[in-house]
N, C-alpha and C. Protein backbone atom coordinates (compact mmCIF):
# COMPACT_ATOMS: atom_id res chain seq x y z
N MET A 1 0.84 -1.20 0.00
CA MET A 1 0.00 0.00 0.00
C MET A 1 0.88 1.25 0.00
N THR A 2 0.59 2.17 -0.90
CA THR A 2 1.38 3.38 -0.97
C THR A 2 1.02 4.31 0.17
N SER A 3 1.94 5.25 0.43
CA SER A 3 1.66 6.21 1.50
C SER A 3 0.44 7.05 1.18
N ARG A 4 0.24 7.32 -0.12
CA ARG A 4 -0.91 8.14 -0.52
C ARG A 4 -2.22 7.41 -0.24
N SER A 5 -2.28 6.12 -0.58
CA SER A 5 -3.50 5.36 -0.34
C SER A 5 -3.73 5.14 1.15
N ALA A 6 -2.64 4.97 1.89
CA ALA A 6 -2.77 4.82 3.35
C ALA A 6 -3.32 6.10 3.96
N ARG A 7 -2.86 7.23 3.47
CA ARG A 7 -3.34 8.51 3.95
C ARG A 7 -4.82 8.68 3.61
N ALA A 8 -5.21 8.28 2.39
CA ALA A 8 -6.60 8.40 1.98
C ALA A 8 -7.51 7.54 2.86
N GLU A 9 -7.05 6.34 3.19
CA GLU A 9 -7.84 5.46 4.06
C GLU A 9 -7.96 6.05 5.46
N GLN A 10 -6.89 6.65 5.94
CA GLN A 10 -6.92 7.26 7.26
C GLN A 10 -7.91 8.43 7.29
N VAL A 11 -7.88 9.24 6.24
CA VAL A 11 -8.80 10.38 6.16
C VAL A 11 -10.24 9.88 6.12
N HIS A 12 -10.49 8.84 5.32
CA HIS A 12 -11.84 8.28 5.23
C HIS A 12 -12.31 7.77 6.58
N ALA A 13 -11.44 7.05 7.28
CA ALA A 13 -11.79 6.51 8.59
C ALA A 13 -12.10 7.62 9.59
N THR A 14 -11.30 8.69 9.54
CA THR A 14 -11.52 9.82 10.44
C THR A 14 -12.86 10.48 10.15
N ARG A 15 -13.15 10.69 8.88
CA ARG A 15 -14.42 11.30 8.48
C ARG A 15 -15.60 10.45 8.96
N GLU A 16 -15.48 9.14 8.84
CA GLU A 16 -16.57 8.25 9.28
C GLU A 16 -16.77 8.34 10.79
N LEU A 17 -15.67 8.40 11.54
CA LEU A 17 -15.79 8.54 12.99
C LEU A 17 -16.49 9.84 13.36
N ILE A 18 -16.13 10.91 12.67
CA ILE A 18 -16.75 12.21 12.94
C ILE A 18 -18.23 12.19 12.59
N LEU A 19 -18.57 11.63 11.44
CA LEU A 19 -19.97 11.57 11.03
C LEU A 19 -20.81 10.78 12.02
N THR A 20 -20.29 9.65 12.47
CA THR A 20 -21.03 8.82 13.42
C THR A 20 -21.23 9.55 14.74
N ALA A 21 -20.16 10.19 15.24
CA ALA A 21 -20.25 10.92 16.50
C ALA A 21 -21.22 12.09 16.39
N ALA A 22 -21.13 12.83 15.30
CA ALA A 22 -22.01 13.99 15.11
C ALA A 22 -23.47 13.56 15.00
N GLU A 23 -23.72 12.53 14.24
CA GLU A 23 -25.10 12.05 14.09
C GLU A 23 -25.70 11.67 15.44
N ARG A 24 -24.92 10.96 16.25
CA ARG A 24 -25.42 10.55 17.56
C ARG A 24 -25.66 11.75 18.47
N LEU A 25 -24.69 12.65 18.54
CA LEU A 25 -24.83 13.81 19.43
C LEU A 25 -25.96 14.73 18.98
N PHE A 26 -26.05 14.98 17.68
CA PHE A 26 -27.13 15.83 17.18
C PHE A 26 -28.49 15.19 17.46
N ALA A 27 -28.58 13.86 17.31
CA ALA A 27 -29.84 13.16 17.55
C ALA A 27 -30.25 13.24 19.01
N GLU A 28 -29.29 13.13 19.90
CA GLU A 28 -29.59 13.07 21.33
C GLU A 28 -29.76 14.44 21.97
N ARG A 29 -29.05 15.45 21.45
CA ARG A 29 -29.04 16.75 22.13
C ARG A 29 -29.59 17.90 21.29
N GLY A 30 -29.67 17.73 19.98
CA GLY A 30 -30.06 18.82 19.10
C GLY A 30 -28.83 19.44 18.44
N VAL A 31 -29.00 19.92 17.23
CA VAL A 31 -27.86 20.39 16.45
C VAL A 31 -27.15 21.56 17.12
N HIS A 32 -27.90 22.53 17.61
CA HIS A 32 -27.26 23.74 18.14
C HIS A 32 -26.81 23.60 19.58
N MET A 33 -27.07 22.45 20.19
CA MET A 33 -26.58 22.21 21.55
C MET A 33 -25.23 21.50 21.55
N VAL A 34 -24.73 21.20 20.36
CA VAL A 34 -23.48 20.45 20.24
C VAL A 34 -22.47 21.28 19.46
N SER A 35 -21.28 21.44 20.02
CA SER A 35 -20.22 22.19 19.35
C SER A 35 -19.36 21.27 18.50
N ASN A 36 -18.65 21.85 17.55
CA ASN A 36 -17.71 21.07 16.74
C ASN A 36 -16.63 20.43 17.63
N ARG A 37 -16.25 21.13 18.68
CA ARG A 37 -15.25 20.59 19.60
C ARG A 37 -15.78 19.32 20.27
N GLN A 38 -17.05 19.34 20.70
CA GLN A 38 -17.64 18.15 21.33
C GLN A 38 -17.70 16.98 20.35
N VAL A 39 -18.00 17.28 19.10
CA VAL A 39 -18.03 16.22 18.08
C VAL A 39 -16.63 15.63 17.91
N SER A 40 -15.63 16.49 17.82
CA SER A 40 -14.26 16.02 17.66
C SER A 40 -13.84 15.13 18.82
N GLU A 41 -14.18 15.56 20.04
CA GLU A 41 -13.82 14.76 21.22
C GLU A 41 -14.54 13.42 21.21
N ALA A 42 -15.83 13.43 20.86
CA ALA A 42 -16.60 12.18 20.84
C ALA A 42 -16.09 11.22 19.77
N ALA A 43 -15.49 11.79 18.72
CA ALA A 43 -14.94 10.98 17.64
C ALA A 43 -13.52 10.51 17.94
N GLY A 44 -13.01 10.88 19.11
CA GLY A 44 -11.67 10.46 19.51
C GLY A 44 -10.56 11.21 18.81
N GLN A 45 -10.85 12.44 18.40
CA GLN A 45 -9.86 13.24 17.69
C GLN A 45 -9.17 14.21 18.66
N GLY A 46 -7.88 14.12 18.75
CA GLY A 46 -7.13 15.01 19.64
C GLY A 46 -7.16 16.44 19.17
N ASN A 47 -7.30 16.64 17.88
CA ASN A 47 -7.37 17.98 17.31
C ASN A 47 -8.81 18.47 17.35
N ASN A 48 -9.08 19.49 18.15
CA ASN A 48 -10.44 19.99 18.28
C ASN A 48 -10.96 20.66 17.02
N ALA A 49 -10.07 20.94 16.07
CA ALA A 49 -10.48 21.56 14.81
C ALA A 49 -10.74 20.51 13.73
N ALA A 50 -10.80 19.25 14.13
CA ALA A 50 -10.94 18.17 13.13
C ALA A 50 -12.21 18.30 12.32
N VAL A 51 -13.31 18.70 12.95
CA VAL A 51 -14.58 18.82 12.23
C VAL A 51 -14.47 19.89 11.14
N GLY A 52 -13.94 21.05 11.52
CA GLY A 52 -13.78 22.12 10.54
C GLY A 52 -12.84 21.73 9.43
N TYR A 53 -11.78 21.01 9.76
CA TYR A 53 -10.79 20.60 8.75
C TYR A 53 -11.41 19.66 7.73
N HIS A 54 -12.18 18.69 8.21
CA HIS A 54 -12.71 17.67 7.32
C HIS A 54 -14.04 18.06 6.66
N PHE A 55 -14.83 18.94 7.31
CA PHE A 55 -16.16 19.21 6.78
C PHE A 55 -16.48 20.69 6.58
N GLY A 56 -15.83 21.57 7.30
CA GLY A 56 -16.14 22.98 7.17
C GLY A 56 -17.08 23.42 8.28
N THR A 57 -18.23 23.97 7.91
CA THR A 57 -19.18 24.48 8.90
C THR A 57 -20.07 23.37 9.44
N LYS A 58 -20.83 23.71 10.46
CA LYS A 58 -21.78 22.73 11.01
C LYS A 58 -22.83 22.37 9.96
N ALA A 59 -23.24 23.35 9.16
CA ALA A 59 -24.20 23.06 8.09
C ALA A 59 -23.62 22.05 7.10
N ASP A 60 -22.34 22.19 6.80
CA ASP A 60 -21.68 21.23 5.91
C ASP A 60 -21.67 19.83 6.52
N LEU A 61 -21.48 19.78 7.84
CA LEU A 61 -21.46 18.50 8.54
C LEU A 61 -22.85 17.85 8.50
N VAL A 62 -23.89 18.65 8.72
CA VAL A 62 -25.26 18.13 8.65
C VAL A 62 -25.54 17.60 7.25
N ARG A 63 -25.13 18.34 6.24
CA ARG A 63 -25.36 17.90 4.86
C ARG A 63 -24.63 16.57 4.59
N ALA A 64 -23.43 16.44 5.11
CA ALA A 64 -22.66 15.20 4.91
C ALA A 64 -23.34 14.01 5.57
N ILE A 65 -23.95 14.22 6.74
CA ILE A 65 -24.67 13.14 7.40
C ILE A 65 -25.88 12.72 6.57
N VAL A 66 -26.62 13.70 6.07
CA VAL A 66 -27.78 13.40 5.23
C VAL A 66 -27.36 12.61 4.00
N ARG A 67 -26.28 13.03 3.36
CA ARG A 67 -25.83 12.36 2.14
C ARG A 67 -25.29 10.96 2.43
N ARG A 68 -24.79 10.76 3.63
CA ARG A 68 -24.28 9.44 4.01
C ARG A 68 -25.39 8.39 3.95
N HIS A 69 -26.61 8.80 4.26
CA HIS A 69 -27.74 7.87 4.28
C HIS A 69 -28.56 7.93 2.99
N ALA A 70 -28.39 8.99 2.22
CA ALA A 70 -29.25 9.20 1.05
C ALA A 70 -29.11 8.08 0.02
N GLY A 71 -27.89 7.59 -0.20
CA GLY A 71 -27.67 6.56 -1.21
C GLY A 71 -28.43 5.28 -0.90
N PRO A 72 -28.24 4.69 0.28
CA PRO A 72 -28.98 3.47 0.61
C PRO A 72 -30.50 3.66 0.60
N ILE A 73 -30.97 4.82 1.07
CA ILE A 73 -32.41 5.09 1.06
C ILE A 73 -32.92 5.18 -0.37
N GLU A 74 -32.15 5.82 -1.23
CA GLU A 74 -32.55 5.94 -2.64
C GLU A 74 -32.60 4.56 -3.31
N GLU A 75 -31.66 3.70 -2.99
CA GLU A 75 -31.66 2.35 -3.57
C GLU A 75 -32.93 1.59 -3.20
N ILE A 76 -33.38 1.73 -1.97
CA ILE A 76 -34.61 1.07 -1.55
C ILE A 76 -35.80 1.65 -2.29
N ARG A 77 -35.85 2.98 -2.42
CA ARG A 77 -36.98 3.60 -3.10
C ARG A 77 -36.99 3.25 -4.59
N VAL A 78 -35.82 3.12 -5.19
CA VAL A 78 -35.75 2.71 -6.60
C VAL A 78 -36.44 1.36 -6.79
N ARG A 79 -36.17 0.42 -5.90
CA ARG A 79 -36.80 -0.90 -6.00
C ARG A 79 -38.31 -0.81 -5.82
N LEU A 80 -38.74 0.00 -4.87
CA LEU A 80 -40.17 0.13 -4.62
C LEU A 80 -40.89 0.76 -5.80
N VAL A 81 -40.32 1.84 -6.33
CA VAL A 81 -40.94 2.52 -7.47
C VAL A 81 -40.97 1.61 -8.69
N ALA A 82 -39.91 0.84 -8.88
CA ALA A 82 -39.86 -0.08 -10.02
C ALA A 82 -40.95 -1.14 -9.93
N GLY A 83 -41.39 -1.44 -8.71
CA GLY A 83 -42.42 -2.46 -8.53
C GLY A 83 -43.84 -1.94 -8.64
N VAL A 84 -43.99 -0.64 -8.82
CA VAL A 84 -45.33 -0.06 -8.94
C VAL A 84 -45.87 -0.30 -10.35
N GLY A 85 -47.02 -0.93 -10.42
CA GLY A 85 -47.59 -1.27 -11.72
C GLY A 85 -48.46 -0.16 -12.30
N PRO A 86 -48.98 -0.37 -13.51
CA PRO A 86 -49.78 0.65 -14.18
C PRO A 86 -51.11 0.93 -13.48
N ASP A 87 -51.57 -0.01 -12.67
CA ASP A 87 -52.85 0.16 -11.95
C ASP A 87 -52.62 0.59 -10.50
N ALA A 88 -51.49 1.19 -10.23
CA ALA A 88 -51.14 1.59 -8.86
C ALA A 88 -52.17 2.55 -8.29
N GLY A 89 -52.42 2.39 -7.00
CA GLY A 89 -53.33 3.28 -6.30
C GLY A 89 -52.60 4.10 -5.26
N VAL A 90 -53.36 4.77 -4.42
CA VAL A 90 -52.79 5.63 -3.40
C VAL A 90 -51.84 4.85 -2.49
N ARG A 91 -52.25 3.67 -2.05
CA ARG A 91 -51.41 2.91 -1.12
C ARG A 91 -50.06 2.55 -1.72
N ASP A 92 -50.03 2.21 -3.01
CA ASP A 92 -48.77 1.85 -3.65
C ASP A 92 -47.77 3.00 -3.60
N TRP A 93 -48.24 4.21 -3.87
CA TRP A 93 -47.34 5.37 -3.86
C TRP A 93 -46.98 5.78 -2.45
N VAL A 94 -47.92 5.64 -1.50
CA VAL A 94 -47.59 5.93 -0.10
C VAL A 94 -46.53 4.95 0.40
N ASP A 95 -46.61 3.69 -0.03
CA ASP A 95 -45.56 2.73 0.30
C ASP A 95 -44.18 3.25 -0.12
N CYS A 96 -44.11 3.80 -1.33
CA CYS A 96 -42.84 4.30 -1.86
C CYS A 96 -42.32 5.48 -1.05
N LEU A 97 -43.22 6.25 -0.47
CA LEU A 97 -42.81 7.40 0.34
C LEU A 97 -42.40 6.99 1.75
N VAL A 98 -43.09 6.01 2.31
CA VAL A 98 -42.90 5.67 3.72
C VAL A 98 -41.78 4.67 3.96
N ARG A 99 -41.75 3.61 3.19
CA ARG A 99 -40.92 2.45 3.55
C ARG A 99 -39.40 2.64 3.45
N PRO A 100 -38.87 3.50 2.59
CA PRO A 100 -37.41 3.55 2.47
C PRO A 100 -36.67 3.85 3.77
N ILE A 101 -37.13 4.81 4.56
CA ILE A 101 -36.39 5.15 5.80
C ILE A 101 -36.48 4.01 6.82
N PRO A 102 -37.67 3.48 7.14
CA PRO A 102 -37.69 2.34 8.07
C PRO A 102 -36.88 1.15 7.58
N ALA A 103 -36.94 0.87 6.28
CA ALA A 103 -36.18 -0.26 5.74
C ALA A 103 -34.68 -0.01 5.87
N HIS A 104 -34.25 1.21 5.65
CA HIS A 104 -32.84 1.55 5.80
C HIS A 104 -32.41 1.40 7.26
N LEU A 105 -33.22 1.87 8.18
CA LEU A 105 -32.89 1.75 9.60
C LEU A 105 -32.80 0.28 10.01
N ALA A 106 -33.67 -0.55 9.44
CA ALA A 106 -33.64 -1.98 9.75
C ALA A 106 -32.36 -2.63 9.24
N ASP A 107 -31.80 -2.09 8.16
CA ASP A 107 -30.59 -2.66 7.57
C ASP A 107 -29.33 -2.30 8.34
N LEU A 108 -29.38 -1.24 9.16
CA LEU A 108 -28.19 -0.79 9.88
C LEU A 108 -27.91 -1.70 11.06
N ASP A 109 -26.64 -1.92 11.33
CA ASP A 109 -26.24 -2.75 12.46
C ASP A 109 -26.26 -1.93 13.75
N GLY A 110 -26.70 -2.56 14.83
CA GLY A 110 -26.62 -1.92 16.13
C GLY A 110 -27.61 -0.77 16.28
N PRO A 111 -27.40 0.09 17.28
CA PRO A 111 -28.31 1.21 17.50
C PRO A 111 -28.22 2.22 16.36
N THR A 112 -29.33 2.87 16.09
CA THR A 112 -29.36 3.90 15.04
C THR A 112 -29.76 5.24 15.64
N TRP A 113 -29.37 6.30 14.94
CA TRP A 113 -29.69 7.66 15.38
C TRP A 113 -30.28 8.50 14.26
N TYR A 114 -30.35 7.96 13.04
CA TYR A 114 -30.66 8.80 11.90
C TYR A 114 -32.07 9.39 11.96
N ALA A 115 -33.05 8.64 12.39
CA ALA A 115 -34.42 9.18 12.45
C ALA A 115 -34.49 10.33 13.45
N ARG A 116 -33.84 10.17 14.61
CA ARG A 116 -33.84 11.24 15.60
C ARG A 116 -33.03 12.44 15.11
N PHE A 117 -31.95 12.17 14.40
CA PHE A 117 -31.17 13.25 13.79
C PHE A 117 -32.06 14.05 12.84
N CYS A 118 -32.79 13.37 11.97
CA CYS A 118 -33.65 14.07 11.01
C CYS A 118 -34.72 14.89 11.73
N ALA A 119 -35.31 14.32 12.78
CA ALA A 119 -36.33 15.03 13.52
C ALA A 119 -35.77 16.31 14.15
N GLN A 120 -34.54 16.23 14.67
CA GLN A 120 -33.90 17.42 15.25
C GLN A 120 -33.61 18.47 14.17
N VAL A 121 -33.10 18.02 13.04
CA VAL A 121 -32.75 18.95 11.96
C VAL A 121 -34.00 19.66 11.44
N MET A 122 -35.10 18.94 11.36
CA MET A 122 -36.32 19.52 10.80
C MET A 122 -36.93 20.59 11.68
N THR A 123 -36.49 20.69 12.94
CA THR A 123 -37.00 21.74 13.83
C THR A 123 -36.23 23.04 13.70
N ASP A 124 -35.12 23.01 12.95
CA ASP A 124 -34.28 24.20 12.80
C ASP A 124 -34.48 24.78 11.40
N PRO A 125 -34.92 26.04 11.30
CA PRO A 125 -35.22 26.60 9.97
C PRO A 125 -34.07 26.55 8.98
N ALA A 126 -32.85 26.86 9.44
CA ALA A 126 -31.70 26.86 8.53
C ALA A 126 -31.34 25.45 8.11
N MET A 127 -31.30 24.53 9.05
CA MET A 127 -30.95 23.15 8.75
C MET A 127 -32.07 22.45 7.97
N TYR A 128 -33.30 22.86 8.23
CA TYR A 128 -34.45 22.30 7.51
C TYR A 128 -34.27 22.46 6.01
N GLU A 129 -33.76 23.61 5.60
CA GLU A 129 -33.54 23.86 4.18
C GLU A 129 -32.57 22.85 3.57
N ILE A 130 -31.59 22.43 4.35
CA ILE A 130 -30.65 21.42 3.86
C ILE A 130 -31.38 20.11 3.58
N MET A 131 -32.25 19.70 4.50
CA MET A 131 -33.01 18.47 4.31
C MET A 131 -33.88 18.56 3.07
N VAL A 132 -34.53 19.70 2.88
CA VAL A 132 -35.39 19.87 1.71
C VAL A 132 -34.58 19.82 0.43
N GLU A 133 -33.46 20.54 0.40
CA GLU A 133 -32.61 20.57 -0.80
C GLU A 133 -32.11 19.17 -1.15
N GLU A 134 -31.65 18.44 -0.16
CA GLU A 134 -31.13 17.11 -0.42
C GLU A 134 -32.23 16.14 -0.86
N SER A 135 -33.42 16.29 -0.30
CA SER A 135 -34.54 15.43 -0.69
C SER A 135 -34.92 15.65 -2.15
N LEU A 136 -34.86 16.90 -2.59
CA LEU A 136 -35.27 17.21 -3.95
C LEU A 136 -34.31 16.67 -4.99
N THR A 137 -33.14 16.20 -4.57
CA THR A 137 -32.21 15.59 -5.53
C THR A 137 -32.58 14.14 -5.84
N SER A 138 -33.56 13.59 -5.13
CA SER A 138 -33.96 12.20 -5.33
C SER A 138 -34.98 12.10 -6.46
N PRO A 139 -34.62 11.53 -7.60
CA PRO A 139 -35.60 11.41 -8.70
C PRO A 139 -36.75 10.49 -8.36
N THR A 140 -36.49 9.42 -7.58
CA THR A 140 -37.58 8.51 -7.27
C THR A 140 -38.55 9.10 -6.24
N LEU A 141 -38.06 9.97 -5.36
CA LEU A 141 -38.96 10.65 -4.43
C LEU A 141 -39.90 11.55 -5.20
N ARG A 142 -39.36 12.31 -6.15
CA ARG A 142 -40.21 13.15 -6.99
C ARG A 142 -41.21 12.31 -7.76
N GLN A 143 -40.76 11.16 -8.26
CA GLN A 143 -41.63 10.27 -9.02
C GLN A 143 -42.77 9.76 -8.14
N ALA A 144 -42.45 9.39 -6.91
CA ALA A 144 -43.48 8.89 -6.00
C ALA A 144 -44.48 9.98 -5.66
N ILE A 145 -44.00 11.19 -5.42
CA ILE A 145 -44.91 12.30 -5.11
C ILE A 145 -45.81 12.61 -6.30
N GLU A 146 -45.23 12.61 -7.49
CA GLU A 146 -46.03 12.85 -8.69
C GLU A 146 -47.08 11.76 -8.89
N GLY A 147 -46.69 10.51 -8.66
CA GLY A 147 -47.65 9.41 -8.78
C GLY A 147 -48.78 9.54 -7.78
N LEU A 148 -48.45 9.91 -6.54
CA LEU A 148 -49.48 10.09 -5.53
C LEU A 148 -50.39 11.25 -5.90
N ASN A 149 -49.82 12.34 -6.37
CA ASN A 149 -50.63 13.51 -6.74
C ASN A 149 -51.60 13.18 -7.87
N ARG A 150 -51.19 12.31 -8.78
CA ARG A 150 -52.11 11.91 -9.86
C ARG A 150 -53.32 11.17 -9.29
N GLN A 151 -53.07 10.37 -8.26
CA GLN A 151 -54.17 9.64 -7.63
C GLN A 151 -55.09 10.57 -6.82
N LEU A 152 -54.56 11.71 -6.44
CA LEU A 152 -55.30 12.64 -5.57
C LEU A 152 -55.66 13.92 -6.30
N SER A 153 -55.80 13.83 -7.60
CA SER A 153 -56.04 15.04 -8.41
C SER A 153 -57.34 15.73 -8.04
N ALA A 154 -58.28 15.01 -7.43
CA ALA A 154 -59.55 15.63 -7.05
C ALA A 154 -59.41 16.50 -5.80
N LEU A 155 -58.33 16.30 -5.05
CA LEU A 155 -58.11 17.14 -3.86
C LEU A 155 -57.65 18.53 -4.27
N PRO A 156 -58.14 19.56 -3.62
CA PRO A 156 -57.61 20.90 -3.89
C PRO A 156 -56.11 20.94 -3.60
N ALA A 157 -55.39 21.75 -4.37
CA ALA A 157 -53.93 21.80 -4.25
C ALA A 157 -53.48 22.14 -2.84
N GLU A 158 -54.20 23.05 -2.17
CA GLU A 158 -53.78 23.45 -0.83
C GLU A 158 -54.00 22.30 0.17
N VAL A 159 -55.00 21.47 -0.07
CA VAL A 159 -55.24 20.33 0.81
C VAL A 159 -54.15 19.28 0.60
N ARG A 160 -53.77 19.05 -0.66
CA ARG A 160 -52.66 18.11 -0.93
C ARG A 160 -51.39 18.58 -0.25
N ALA A 161 -51.11 19.88 -0.33
CA ALA A 161 -49.90 20.42 0.30
C ALA A 161 -49.96 20.26 1.82
N GLU A 162 -51.12 20.53 2.40
CA GLU A 162 -51.28 20.41 3.85
C GLU A 162 -51.09 18.97 4.29
N ARG A 163 -51.68 18.04 3.56
CA ARG A 163 -51.57 16.64 3.95
C ARG A 163 -50.16 16.10 3.66
N GLY A 164 -49.49 16.68 2.68
CA GLY A 164 -48.10 16.33 2.46
C GLY A 164 -47.24 16.71 3.64
N ALA A 165 -47.50 17.89 4.21
CA ALA A 165 -46.76 18.32 5.40
C ALA A 165 -47.07 17.39 6.58
N MET A 166 -48.33 16.99 6.72
CA MET A 166 -48.68 16.04 7.78
C MET A 166 -47.93 14.72 7.60
N ALA A 167 -47.87 14.26 6.36
CA ALA A 167 -47.18 12.99 6.08
C ALA A 167 -45.71 13.07 6.45
N ARG A 168 -45.04 14.15 6.08
CA ARG A 168 -43.62 14.30 6.42
C ARG A 168 -43.41 14.25 7.92
N GLU A 169 -44.25 14.98 8.65
CA GLU A 169 -44.11 15.01 10.10
C GLU A 169 -44.32 13.63 10.71
N LEU A 170 -45.35 12.93 10.24
CA LEU A 170 -45.62 11.60 10.79
C LEU A 170 -44.49 10.62 10.50
N ILE A 171 -44.02 10.60 9.25
CA ILE A 171 -42.95 9.67 8.89
C ILE A 171 -41.72 9.90 9.76
N LEU A 172 -41.29 11.17 9.84
CA LEU A 172 -40.07 11.46 10.59
C LEU A 172 -40.22 11.20 12.09
N HIS A 173 -41.30 11.69 12.66
CA HIS A 173 -41.41 11.64 14.11
C HIS A 173 -41.83 10.27 14.62
N ILE A 174 -42.62 9.53 13.87
CA ILE A 174 -42.94 8.16 14.30
C ILE A 174 -41.69 7.29 14.23
N CYS A 175 -40.89 7.47 13.17
CA CYS A 175 -39.62 6.73 13.08
C CYS A 175 -38.69 7.13 14.21
N ALA A 176 -38.63 8.41 14.51
CA ALA A 176 -37.76 8.88 15.59
C ALA A 176 -38.19 8.34 16.94
N GLU A 177 -39.49 8.30 17.18
CA GLU A 177 -39.99 7.78 18.46
C GLU A 177 -39.70 6.29 18.59
N ARG A 178 -39.86 5.54 17.50
CA ARG A 178 -39.55 4.10 17.57
C ARG A 178 -38.05 3.91 17.80
N GLU A 179 -37.23 4.69 17.10
CA GLU A 179 -35.79 4.58 17.26
C GLU A 179 -35.38 4.89 18.70
N ARG A 180 -36.00 5.90 19.29
CA ARG A 180 -35.69 6.25 20.68
C ARG A 180 -36.11 5.13 21.63
N ALA A 181 -37.28 4.56 21.38
CA ALA A 181 -37.75 3.46 22.23
C ALA A 181 -36.82 2.26 22.15
N LEU A 182 -36.36 1.94 20.95
CA LEU A 182 -35.44 0.82 20.80
C LEU A 182 -34.12 1.09 21.54
N ALA A 183 -33.64 2.34 21.44
CA ALA A 183 -32.39 2.69 22.12
C ALA A 183 -32.53 2.61 23.64
N ASP A 184 -33.73 2.95 24.14
CA ASP A 184 -33.96 2.96 25.59
C ASP A 184 -34.47 1.62 26.12
N GLY A 185 -34.68 0.65 25.23
CA GLY A 185 -35.20 -0.64 25.66
C GLY A 185 -36.66 -0.60 26.07
N VAL A 186 -37.40 0.36 25.50
CA VAL A 186 -38.83 0.51 25.82
C VAL A 186 -39.66 -0.29 24.81
N PRO A 187 -40.74 -0.94 25.24
CA PRO A 187 -41.57 -1.69 24.29
C PRO A 187 -42.10 -0.78 23.17
N THR A 188 -42.18 -1.32 21.97
CA THR A 188 -42.67 -0.58 20.82
C THR A 188 -44.02 -1.13 20.37
N TYR A 189 -44.75 -0.32 19.61
CA TYR A 189 -46.08 -0.72 19.16
C TYR A 189 -46.00 -1.90 18.19
N ARG A 190 -44.97 -1.92 17.36
CA ARG A 190 -44.82 -2.96 16.35
C ARG A 190 -43.50 -3.69 16.56
N ALA A 191 -43.46 -4.96 16.18
CA ALA A 191 -42.29 -5.80 16.47
C ALA A 191 -41.09 -5.46 15.61
N THR A 192 -41.32 -5.03 14.37
CA THR A 192 -40.22 -4.80 13.43
C THR A 192 -40.40 -3.46 12.73
N TRP A 193 -39.32 -3.01 12.08
CA TRP A 193 -39.41 -1.79 11.29
C TRP A 193 -40.38 -1.97 10.12
N HIS A 194 -40.41 -3.17 9.55
CA HIS A 194 -41.35 -3.43 8.45
C HIS A 194 -42.79 -3.26 8.92
N ASP A 195 -43.09 -3.81 10.09
CA ASP A 195 -44.45 -3.69 10.63
C ASP A 195 -44.76 -2.24 11.00
N ALA A 196 -43.77 -1.54 11.52
CA ALA A 196 -43.97 -0.13 11.85
C ALA A 196 -44.29 0.67 10.59
N ALA A 197 -43.60 0.36 9.50
CA ALA A 197 -43.86 1.03 8.23
C ALA A 197 -45.28 0.73 7.75
N THR A 198 -45.73 -0.50 7.93
CA THR A 198 -47.09 -0.86 7.53
C THR A 198 -48.12 -0.04 8.30
N GLY A 199 -47.89 0.13 9.59
CA GLY A 199 -48.78 0.96 10.39
C GLY A 199 -48.81 2.40 9.91
N LEU A 200 -47.64 2.92 9.57
CA LEU A 200 -47.56 4.28 9.04
C LEU A 200 -48.29 4.41 7.71
N VAL A 201 -48.10 3.44 6.85
CA VAL A 201 -48.79 3.47 5.55
C VAL A 201 -50.30 3.45 5.76
N ASP A 202 -50.78 2.57 6.65
CA ASP A 202 -52.22 2.52 6.94
C ASP A 202 -52.73 3.89 7.37
N ALA A 203 -52.01 4.52 8.30
CA ALA A 203 -52.45 5.81 8.82
C ALA A 203 -52.43 6.89 7.74
N LEU A 204 -51.38 6.90 6.92
CA LEU A 204 -51.25 7.97 5.93
C LEU A 204 -52.22 7.80 4.77
N VAL A 205 -52.55 6.57 4.43
CA VAL A 205 -53.60 6.37 3.42
C VAL A 205 -54.90 6.99 3.93
N GLY A 206 -55.16 6.78 5.22
CA GLY A 206 -56.35 7.40 5.80
C GLY A 206 -56.29 8.91 5.78
N VAL A 207 -55.11 9.48 6.05
CA VAL A 207 -54.94 10.94 6.00
C VAL A 207 -55.21 11.46 4.59
N TRP A 208 -54.60 10.82 3.61
CA TRP A 208 -54.73 11.31 2.23
C TRP A 208 -56.17 11.19 1.72
N LEU A 209 -56.88 10.12 2.13
CA LEU A 209 -58.22 9.87 1.60
C LEU A 209 -59.34 10.40 2.50
N ALA A 210 -58.98 11.09 3.56
CA ALA A 210 -59.99 11.65 4.46
C ALA A 210 -60.85 12.68 3.72
N PRO A 211 -62.12 12.78 4.11
CA PRO A 211 -62.97 13.79 3.46
C PRO A 211 -62.47 15.20 3.75
N VAL A 212 -62.83 16.10 2.89
CA VAL A 212 -62.43 17.50 3.03
C VAL A 212 -63.66 18.31 3.44
N THR A 213 -63.61 18.89 4.61
CA THR A 213 -64.73 19.72 5.08
C THR A 213 -64.66 21.09 4.41
N PRO A 214 -65.71 21.48 3.72
CA PRO A 214 -65.67 22.80 3.06
C PRO A 214 -65.48 23.91 4.09
N THR A 215 -64.67 24.89 3.75
CA THR A 215 -64.50 26.03 4.64
C THR A 215 -65.58 27.06 4.34
N PRO A 216 -66.04 27.76 5.38
CA PRO A 216 -67.11 28.74 5.17
C PRO A 216 -66.65 29.91 4.31
């Protein structure tokens, strides 16, 4: 192994340690309650400037964590979207929206923090924009949303937007609550992530298909 490749592997390993430490701390304490120095220390880095050296700003670090998970989540959604047939209904497209994150969390070894990390990030206006920007880079997410909107064309646009916001909140926070319960050893409503996703799909199909009360 050349010195250059050894150095590259060392840099990669350091970046992974930092990403893991940051994801955990942000999930448990909130993004703005954790300093770059605390992340560096939790990652076992003697240099307190390690986060800035490897990632730049805290926003850059948050974006790197999101991108770390985006690839595996996209791969799951690609498979789901590919399985949607020409007679797909609301439930088929809701499946494509809901299942990728729980399935990804189920694939990870050991305790996970990503759902709680996402829930924390979504409460911060500046960091929220990062999540939105990164989500919009997913072609299959856009495809699933477009497919769902075609099924819901009778709904007024503002109602679709409102229920879309409800869906995002439910997906993120229900996953975060289950992840927290698993970390704390607390009983969960469903035995597996797959079953938890099924419960979410059931609930969100009901949300999307609920009657619309006319406003006065």
